[in-house]
Each structure stands twice: as structure tokens, then as C-alpha cells.
Amino acid sequence: MTTEPQQRDLSSSDTVSVGALLSDVASDLSLLMRQEIELAKAELRESATQAGQAAGMFSGAAMAGHLALLFLSVAAWWGLGQAMDNLGWSAVVVAVVWAVIAAVLTNTARRRMKNVTGLPRTVDTAKRVPPALKGDES
């Protein structure tokens, strides 16, 4: 798909018109833009592939972490049950510990979510674009 730009021999006695030179410049610029767009597409595809692979690995790590916590919880339940001579109450103790952890994480997430402001500067500048295009730059 790549085509070589046309080369003019300027050393000959023929005079090259300004229109022909501008045509060559426009053609070369167009070719350059197409090549840059193709390069950007190729780089984007490669980056997206790498990001997808990394996301898959993060998913696998999250699943492994979840299973590790699950089995550690079962081990804690069983260990407490042996120490207390009652598996039922030890299950309640482990469940309460996880409920406390969930409550702390939920409250922390709520506090942080209240601090999320969105994109106020972007929204403000985006609102200014249409008037600026009309010539009103206030």
C-alpha cells in the first residue's frame, strides 16, 4: 500500500511550476498522514493485545487470591472449631470477622466516593468550545 513519493529532477533545465511543486507537497503530505495513521493503528492493536493479556492475568490472580482467602477461612474455621470444641460457633466467629472487614471496606469506599468530583475542568472547557467557535471568547 505504501507508494514512494515522486521525485522531480530539479537539476535539469526544465522549469517546474509552483502548482506542480504544491501538488507534490500535498501528495507527499497525504502519503505521510496515511502512513502515520497506519502506524498508530498497528501500535494501538499491539497495546490493546498486551493490555488484554495483562487483564486476563489480573483476573487469574484475583481468582487465585479469592480461593486462597476461602481456604484460609475454612482452615481458620476448622482450627477455631478444634480449639472451641464447636464447629458451629467457630463458623460464626469467622463469618463475623469477614462481616467486620466488609463493613470497614464499605465505609471507606463510601467516604472516597463522596470525594469523586468527575471532570469539572473538562466539562467547563467543553462548554466554552461552541461559543469560541462562533467568535465569542468570553
N, C-alpha and C. Protein backbone atom coordinates (compact mmCIF):
# COMPACT_ATOMS: atom_id res chain seq x y z
N MET A 1 0.82 -1.18 0.00
CA MET A 1 0.00 0.00 0.00
C MET A 1 0.87 1.25 0.00
N THR A 2 2.09 1.13 0.49
CA THR A 2 2.95 2.30 0.51
C THR A 2 3.47 2.58 -0.88
N THR A 3 3.38 3.82 -1.23
CA THR A 3 3.91 4.24 -2.51
C THR A 3 5.00 5.24 -2.25
N GLU A 4 5.99 5.21 -3.07
CA GLU A 4 7.10 6.14 -2.94
C GLU A 4 6.69 7.49 -3.49
N PRO A 5 7.09 8.57 -2.82
CA PRO A 5 6.77 9.90 -3.34
C PRO A 5 7.52 10.13 -4.64
N GLN A 6 6.90 10.89 -5.51
CA GLN A 6 7.52 11.15 -6.81
C GLN A 6 8.69 12.10 -6.63
N GLN A 7 9.79 11.77 -7.28
CA GLN A 7 10.98 12.61 -7.22
C GLN A 7 11.09 13.39 -8.53
N ARG A 8 11.26 14.67 -8.43
CA ARG A 8 11.45 15.51 -9.62
C ARG A 8 12.92 15.83 -9.74
N ASP A 9 13.41 15.80 -10.92
CA ASP A 9 14.80 16.15 -11.18
C ASP A 9 14.87 17.66 -11.40
N LEU A 10 15.31 18.36 -10.35
CA LEU A 10 15.37 19.81 -10.42
C LEU A 10 16.66 20.31 -11.04
N SER A 11 17.58 19.39 -11.33
CA SER A 11 18.85 19.81 -11.91
C SER A 11 18.75 20.04 -13.42
N SER A 12 17.68 19.54 -14.01
CA SER A 12 17.53 19.73 -15.45
C SER A 12 17.13 21.17 -15.74
N SER A 13 17.19 21.54 -16.99
CA SER A 13 16.91 22.91 -17.38
C SER A 13 15.41 23.21 -17.39
N ASP A 14 14.56 22.17 -17.25
CA ASP A 14 13.11 22.39 -17.24
C ASP A 14 12.72 23.17 -15.98
N THR A 15 11.83 24.08 -16.15
CA THR A 15 11.33 24.85 -15.02
C THR A 15 10.10 24.14 -14.47
N VAL A 16 10.09 23.95 -13.17
CA VAL A 16 8.97 23.29 -12.53
C VAL A 16 8.02 24.37 -12.03
N SER A 17 6.76 24.21 -12.35
CA SER A 17 5.78 25.23 -11.95
C SER A 17 5.51 25.14 -10.45
N VAL A 18 5.08 26.23 -9.88
CA VAL A 18 4.72 26.29 -8.46
C VAL A 18 3.56 25.35 -8.19
N GLY A 19 2.62 25.29 -9.12
CA GLY A 19 1.47 24.39 -8.96
C GLY A 19 1.90 22.94 -8.87
N ALA A 20 2.88 22.54 -9.69
CA ALA A 20 3.36 21.16 -9.65
C ALA A 20 4.07 20.88 -8.33
N LEU A 21 4.84 21.86 -7.84
CA LEU A 21 5.52 21.68 -6.56
C LEU A 21 4.52 21.57 -5.41
N LEU A 22 3.50 22.42 -5.43
CA LEU A 22 2.47 22.35 -4.39
C LEU A 22 1.72 21.03 -4.47
N SER A 23 1.49 20.55 -5.68
CA SER A 23 0.83 19.26 -5.85
C SER A 23 1.68 18.14 -5.26
N ASP A 24 2.99 18.20 -5.49
CA ASP A 24 3.89 17.20 -4.92
C ASP A 24 3.90 17.27 -3.40
N VAL A 25 3.93 18.46 -2.85
CA VAL A 25 3.92 18.62 -1.40
C VAL A 25 2.63 18.06 -0.82
N ALA A 26 1.51 18.38 -1.43
CA ALA A 26 0.22 17.88 -0.96
C ALA A 26 0.16 16.36 -1.04
N SER A 27 0.68 15.81 -2.12
CA SER A 27 0.70 14.36 -2.29
C SER A 27 1.57 13.69 -1.24
N ASP A 28 2.76 14.27 -1.02
CA ASP A 28 3.67 13.71 -0.02
C ASP A 28 3.09 13.82 1.38
N LEU A 29 2.44 14.95 1.68
CA LEU A 29 1.83 15.14 2.98
C LEU A 29 0.69 14.14 3.19
N SER A 30 -0.09 13.92 2.16
CA SER A 30 -1.18 12.95 2.24
C SER A 30 -0.64 11.55 2.50
N LEU A 31 0.42 11.19 1.79
CA LEU A 31 1.05 9.88 1.99
C LEU A 31 1.58 9.75 3.41
N LEU A 32 2.23 10.79 3.89
CA LEU A 32 2.77 10.78 5.24
C LEU A 32 1.67 10.60 6.27
N MET A 33 0.56 11.29 6.10
CA MET A 33 -0.56 11.17 7.04
C MET A 33 -1.14 9.76 7.03
N ARG A 34 -1.29 9.17 5.85
CA ARG A 34 -1.80 7.79 5.77
C ARG A 34 -0.86 6.82 6.47
N GLN A 35 0.44 7.00 6.26
CA GLN A 35 1.41 6.11 6.89
C GLN A 35 1.40 6.28 8.42
N GLU A 36 1.26 7.51 8.87
CA GLU A 36 1.21 7.76 10.32
C GLU A 36 -0.03 7.13 10.93
N ILE A 37 -1.15 7.21 10.22
CA ILE A 37 -2.39 6.60 10.72
C ILE A 37 -2.25 5.09 10.78
N GLU A 38 -1.65 4.49 9.77
CA GLU A 38 -1.42 3.04 9.78
C GLU A 38 -0.51 2.63 10.93
N LEU A 39 0.53 3.42 11.18
CA LEU A 39 1.44 3.14 12.30
C LEU A 39 0.69 3.24 13.62
N ALA A 40 -0.14 4.26 13.77
CA ALA A 40 -0.92 4.42 15.00
C ALA A 40 -1.86 3.24 15.21
N LYS A 41 -2.49 2.78 14.13
CA LYS A 41 -3.39 1.63 14.24
C LYS A 41 -2.63 0.39 14.68
N ALA A 42 -1.46 0.16 14.09
CA ALA A 42 -0.66 -1.01 14.45
C ALA A 42 -0.22 -0.95 15.91
N GLU A 43 0.22 0.23 16.35
CA GLU A 43 0.63 0.38 17.74
C GLU A 43 -0.54 0.19 18.69
N LEU A 44 -1.71 0.70 18.31
CA LEU A 44 -2.89 0.55 19.14
C LEU A 44 -3.30 -0.91 19.26
N ARG A 45 -3.24 -1.65 18.14
CA ARG A 45 -3.56 -3.08 18.18
C ARG A 45 -2.61 -3.81 19.12
N GLU A 46 -1.32 -3.51 19.02
CA GLU A 46 -0.33 -4.18 19.87
C GLU A 46 -0.57 -3.84 21.35
N SER A 47 -0.83 -2.57 21.64
CA SER A 47 -1.07 -2.16 23.02
C SER A 47 -2.34 -2.81 23.57
N ALA A 48 -3.38 -2.87 22.74
CA ALA A 48 -4.64 -3.47 23.18
C ALA A 48 -4.45 -4.96 23.47
N THR A 49 -3.66 -5.63 22.64
CA THR A 49 -3.39 -7.06 22.86
C THR A 49 -2.66 -7.25 24.18
N GLN A 50 -1.65 -6.44 24.42
CA GLN A 50 -0.89 -6.56 25.67
C GLN A 50 -1.76 -6.23 26.88
N ALA A 51 -2.61 -5.22 26.76
CA ALA A 51 -3.50 -4.85 27.86
C ALA A 51 -4.50 -5.98 28.13
N GLY A 52 -5.00 -6.60 27.08
CA GLY A 52 -5.93 -7.72 27.25
C GLY A 52 -5.29 -8.90 27.94
N GLN A 53 -4.05 -9.20 27.57
CA GLN A 53 -3.33 -10.29 28.22
C GLN A 53 -3.10 -9.97 29.70
N ALA A 54 -2.71 -8.74 29.99
CA ALA A 54 -2.48 -8.35 31.38
C ALA A 54 -3.77 -8.41 32.18
N ALA A 55 -4.89 -7.98 31.58
CA ALA A 55 -6.18 -8.05 32.27
C ALA A 55 -6.56 -9.49 32.57
N GLY A 56 -6.29 -10.39 31.64
CA GLY A 56 -6.55 -11.81 31.89
C GLY A 56 -5.72 -12.35 33.03
N MET A 57 -4.46 -11.92 33.09
CA MET A 57 -3.60 -12.36 34.19
C MET A 57 -4.07 -11.80 35.52
N PHE A 58 -4.52 -10.52 35.53
CA PHE A 58 -5.06 -9.94 36.76
C PHE A 58 -6.31 -10.71 37.21
N SER A 59 -7.14 -11.11 36.26
CA SER A 59 -8.33 -11.89 36.59
C SER A 59 -7.96 -13.21 37.22
N GLY A 60 -6.95 -13.87 36.64
CA GLY A 60 -6.48 -15.13 37.21
C GLY A 60 -5.91 -14.95 38.61
N ALA A 61 -5.17 -13.85 38.80
CA ALA A 61 -4.61 -13.57 40.13
C ALA A 61 -5.72 -13.29 41.14
N ALA A 62 -6.75 -12.57 40.72
CA ALA A 62 -7.87 -12.29 41.62
C ALA A 62 -8.59 -13.57 42.00
N MET A 63 -8.78 -14.46 41.04
CA MET A 63 -9.43 -15.74 41.34
C MET A 63 -8.59 -16.56 42.30
N ALA A 64 -7.28 -16.60 42.07
CA ALA A 64 -6.39 -17.35 42.96
C ALA A 64 -6.40 -16.75 44.36
N GLY A 65 -6.40 -15.41 44.45
CA GLY A 65 -6.46 -14.75 45.76
C GLY A 65 -7.77 -15.06 46.48
N HIS A 66 -8.86 -15.06 45.72
CA HIS A 66 -10.17 -15.39 46.31
C HIS A 66 -10.15 -16.82 46.87
N LEU A 67 -9.64 -17.75 46.09
CA LEU A 67 -9.59 -19.14 46.56
C LEU A 67 -8.68 -19.28 47.77
N ALA A 68 -7.56 -18.55 47.78
CA ALA A 68 -6.66 -18.60 48.94
C ALA A 68 -7.38 -18.10 50.19
N LEU A 69 -8.11 -16.98 50.08
CA LEU A 69 -8.87 -16.48 51.23
C LEU A 69 -9.95 -17.46 51.67
N LEU A 70 -10.59 -18.09 50.69
CA LEU A 70 -11.63 -19.06 51.02
C LEU A 70 -11.05 -20.22 51.82
N PHE A 71 -9.93 -20.78 51.34
CA PHE A 71 -9.34 -21.92 52.04
C PHE A 71 -8.72 -21.51 53.38
N LEU A 72 -8.18 -20.29 53.47
CA LEU A 72 -7.69 -19.81 54.77
C LEU A 72 -8.85 -19.63 55.74
N SER A 73 -9.99 -19.19 55.25
CA SER A 73 -11.17 -19.06 56.11
C SER A 73 -11.65 -20.42 56.60
N VAL A 74 -11.63 -21.40 55.72
CA VAL A 74 -12.03 -22.75 56.12
C VAL A 74 -11.04 -23.30 57.15
N ALA A 75 -9.75 -23.03 56.93
CA ALA A 75 -8.74 -23.50 57.88
C ALA A 75 -8.93 -22.81 59.24
N ALA A 76 -9.22 -21.50 59.22
CA ALA A 76 -9.46 -20.79 60.48
C ALA A 76 -10.70 -21.33 61.17
N TRP A 77 -11.74 -21.58 60.39
CA TRP A 77 -12.97 -22.15 60.95
C TRP A 77 -12.68 -23.49 61.61
N TRP A 78 -11.95 -24.35 60.92
CA TRP A 78 -11.66 -25.68 61.44
C TRP A 78 -10.75 -25.58 62.67
N GLY A 79 -9.72 -24.70 62.58
CA GLY A 79 -8.80 -24.55 63.72
C GLY A 79 -9.51 -24.02 64.95
N LEU A 80 -10.36 -23.00 64.77
CA LEU A 80 -11.14 -22.50 65.91
C LEU A 80 -12.11 -23.54 66.44
N GLY A 81 -12.67 -24.32 65.53
CA GLY A 81 -13.60 -25.37 65.94
C GLY A 81 -12.90 -26.42 66.79
N GLN A 82 -11.67 -26.75 66.46
CA GLN A 82 -10.91 -27.71 67.27
C GLN A 82 -10.58 -27.11 68.64
N ALA A 83 -10.24 -25.82 68.66
CA ALA A 83 -9.89 -25.17 69.92
C ALA A 83 -11.13 -24.97 70.80
N MET A 84 -12.28 -24.69 70.19
CA MET A 84 -13.50 -24.41 70.94
C MET A 84 -14.36 -25.66 71.14
N ASP A 85 -14.01 -26.73 70.49
CA ASP A 85 -14.81 -27.96 70.51
C ASP A 85 -16.23 -27.73 69.98
N ASN A 86 -16.37 -26.76 69.05
CA ASN A 86 -17.68 -26.48 68.48
C ASN A 86 -17.48 -25.83 67.11
N LEU A 87 -17.72 -26.60 66.05
CA LEU A 87 -17.54 -26.07 64.70
C LEU A 87 -18.56 -25.00 64.35
N GLY A 88 -19.74 -25.08 64.91
CA GLY A 88 -20.79 -24.10 64.63
C GLY A 88 -20.41 -22.70 65.08
N TRP A 89 -19.96 -22.57 66.31
CA TRP A 89 -19.59 -21.27 66.82
C TRP A 89 -18.32 -20.74 66.15
N SER A 90 -17.42 -21.62 65.79
CA SER A 90 -16.20 -21.15 65.11
C SER A 90 -16.55 -20.60 63.72
N ALA A 91 -17.56 -21.19 63.06
CA ALA A 91 -18.01 -20.68 61.77
C ALA A 91 -18.61 -19.28 61.94
N VAL A 92 -19.33 -19.06 63.03
CA VAL A 92 -19.91 -17.75 63.31
C VAL A 92 -18.80 -16.73 63.54
N VAL A 93 -17.77 -17.11 64.28
CA VAL A 93 -16.66 -16.20 64.56
C VAL A 93 -15.99 -15.78 63.25
N VAL A 94 -15.70 -16.74 62.36
CA VAL A 94 -15.05 -16.42 61.08
C VAL A 94 -15.97 -15.54 60.23
N ALA A 95 -17.26 -15.83 60.24
CA ALA A 95 -18.21 -15.02 59.46
C ALA A 95 -18.28 -13.60 60.00
N VAL A 96 -18.25 -13.42 61.32
CA VAL A 96 -18.29 -12.08 61.92
C VAL A 96 -17.02 -11.30 61.54
N VAL A 97 -15.88 -11.96 61.56
CA VAL A 97 -14.63 -11.29 61.17
C VAL A 97 -14.74 -10.78 59.74
N TRP A 98 -15.26 -11.63 58.83
CA TRP A 98 -15.42 -11.20 57.44
C TRP A 98 -16.46 -10.10 57.30
N ALA A 99 -17.50 -10.12 58.12
CA ALA A 99 -18.52 -9.06 58.09
C ALA A 99 -17.93 -7.73 58.54
N VAL A 100 -17.07 -7.76 59.56
CA VAL A 100 -16.42 -6.53 60.02
C VAL A 100 -15.51 -5.98 58.93
N ILE A 101 -14.75 -6.85 58.27
CA ILE A 101 -13.87 -6.42 57.17
C ILE A 101 -14.71 -5.80 56.05
N ALA A 102 -15.84 -6.43 55.72
CA ALA A 102 -16.71 -5.90 54.67
C ALA A 102 -17.28 -4.54 55.06
N ALA A 103 -17.66 -4.36 56.32
CA ALA A 103 -18.22 -3.09 56.77
C ALA A 103 -17.17 -1.98 56.71
N VAL A 104 -15.94 -2.27 57.14
CA VAL A 104 -14.88 -1.27 57.10
C VAL A 104 -14.58 -0.87 55.66
N LEU A 105 -14.47 -1.85 54.76
CA LEU A 105 -14.22 -1.55 53.35
C LEU A 105 -15.36 -0.75 52.72
N THR A 106 -16.60 -1.07 53.07
CA THR A 106 -17.75 -0.35 52.54
C THR A 106 -17.75 1.11 52.99
N ASN A 107 -17.49 1.34 54.28
CA ASN A 107 -17.45 2.72 54.78
C ASN A 107 -16.31 3.51 54.16
N THR A 108 -15.17 2.89 54.00
CA THR A 108 -14.04 3.56 53.37
C THR A 108 -14.37 3.91 51.92
N ALA A 109 -14.98 2.98 51.20
CA ALA A 109 -15.35 3.22 49.81
C ALA A 109 -16.37 4.34 49.70
N ARG A 110 -17.34 4.40 50.61
CA ARG A 110 -18.34 5.47 50.59
C ARG A 110 -17.69 6.83 50.79
N ARG A 111 -16.76 6.91 51.76
CA ARG A 111 -16.09 8.18 52.01
C ARG A 111 -15.30 8.63 50.79
N ARG A 112 -14.60 7.70 50.17
CA ARG A 112 -13.81 8.05 48.99
C ARG A 112 -14.70 8.39 47.80
N MET A 113 -15.84 7.75 47.67
CA MET A 113 -16.74 8.03 46.56
C MET A 113 -17.33 9.43 46.67
N LYS A 114 -17.52 9.91 47.89
CA LYS A 114 -18.03 11.27 48.07
C LYS A 114 -17.02 12.31 47.60
N ASN A 115 -15.74 11.96 47.58
CA ASN A 115 -14.69 12.88 47.15
C ASN A 115 -14.50 12.90 45.63
N VAL A 116 -15.15 12.00 44.92
CA VAL A 116 -15.02 11.96 43.46
C VAL A 116 -15.78 13.13 42.87
N THR A 117 -15.08 13.93 42.09
CA THR A 117 -15.71 15.14 41.53
C THR A 117 -15.99 15.02 40.04
N GLY A 118 -15.52 13.99 39.42
CA GLY A 118 -15.74 13.85 37.99
C GLY A 118 -14.72 14.63 37.20
N LEU A 119 -15.15 15.31 36.16
CA LEU A 119 -14.26 16.06 35.28
C LEU A 119 -14.69 17.52 35.20
N PRO A 120 -14.62 18.26 36.29
CA PRO A 120 -15.16 19.62 36.26
C PRO A 120 -14.44 20.55 35.28
N ARG A 121 -13.11 20.45 35.20
CA ARG A 121 -12.38 21.35 34.29
C ARG A 121 -12.66 21.00 32.84
N THR A 122 -12.75 19.70 32.55
CA THR A 122 -13.04 19.27 31.17
C THR A 122 -14.43 19.71 30.76
N VAL A 123 -15.39 19.55 31.64
CA VAL A 123 -16.77 19.98 31.34
C VAL A 123 -16.80 21.48 31.11
N ASP A 124 -16.08 22.23 31.94
CA ASP A 124 -16.06 23.69 31.80
C ASP A 124 -15.46 24.11 30.46
N THR A 125 -14.32 23.51 30.09
CA THR A 125 -13.71 23.90 28.82
C THR A 125 -14.52 23.40 27.63
N ALA A 126 -15.18 22.25 27.76
CA ALA A 126 -16.02 21.76 26.66
C ALA A 126 -17.21 22.67 26.43
N LYS A 127 -17.72 23.27 27.50
CA LYS A 127 -18.84 24.22 27.36
C LYS A 127 -18.41 25.49 26.65
N ARG A 128 -17.12 25.82 26.73
CA ARG A 128 -16.62 27.04 26.10
C ARG A 128 -16.30 26.88 24.61
N VAL A 129 -16.22 25.65 24.13
CA VAL A 129 -15.83 25.43 22.73
C VAL A 129 -16.84 25.99 21.73
N PRO A 130 -18.15 25.66 21.82
CA PRO A 130 -19.08 26.20 20.81
C PRO A 130 -19.09 27.72 20.75
N PRO A 131 -19.13 28.43 21.89
CA PRO A 131 -19.09 29.90 21.77
C PRO A 131 -17.77 30.40 21.17
N ALA A 132 -16.66 29.72 21.49
CA ALA A 132 -15.38 30.14 20.95
C ALA A 132 -15.34 29.95 19.44
N LEU A 133 -15.98 28.91 18.95
CA LEU A 133 -16.03 28.70 17.50
C LEU A 133 -16.85 29.78 16.80
N LYS A 134 -17.80 30.34 17.53
CA LYS A 134 -18.62 31.41 16.97
C LYS A 134 -17.94 32.77 17.10
N GLY A 135 -16.80 32.82 17.80
CA GLY A 135 -16.07 34.08 17.93
C GLY A 135 -16.25 34.73 19.27
N ASP A 136 -17.06 34.17 20.15
CA ASP A 136 -17.26 34.74 21.48
C ASP A 136 -16.28 34.04 22.42
N GLU A 137 -15.24 34.74 22.83
CA GLU A 137 -14.20 34.10 23.64
C GLU A 137 -14.27 34.50 25.09
N SER A 138 -15.43 34.87 25.59
CA SER A 138 -15.55 35.28 26.99
C SER A 138 -15.65 34.09 27.90
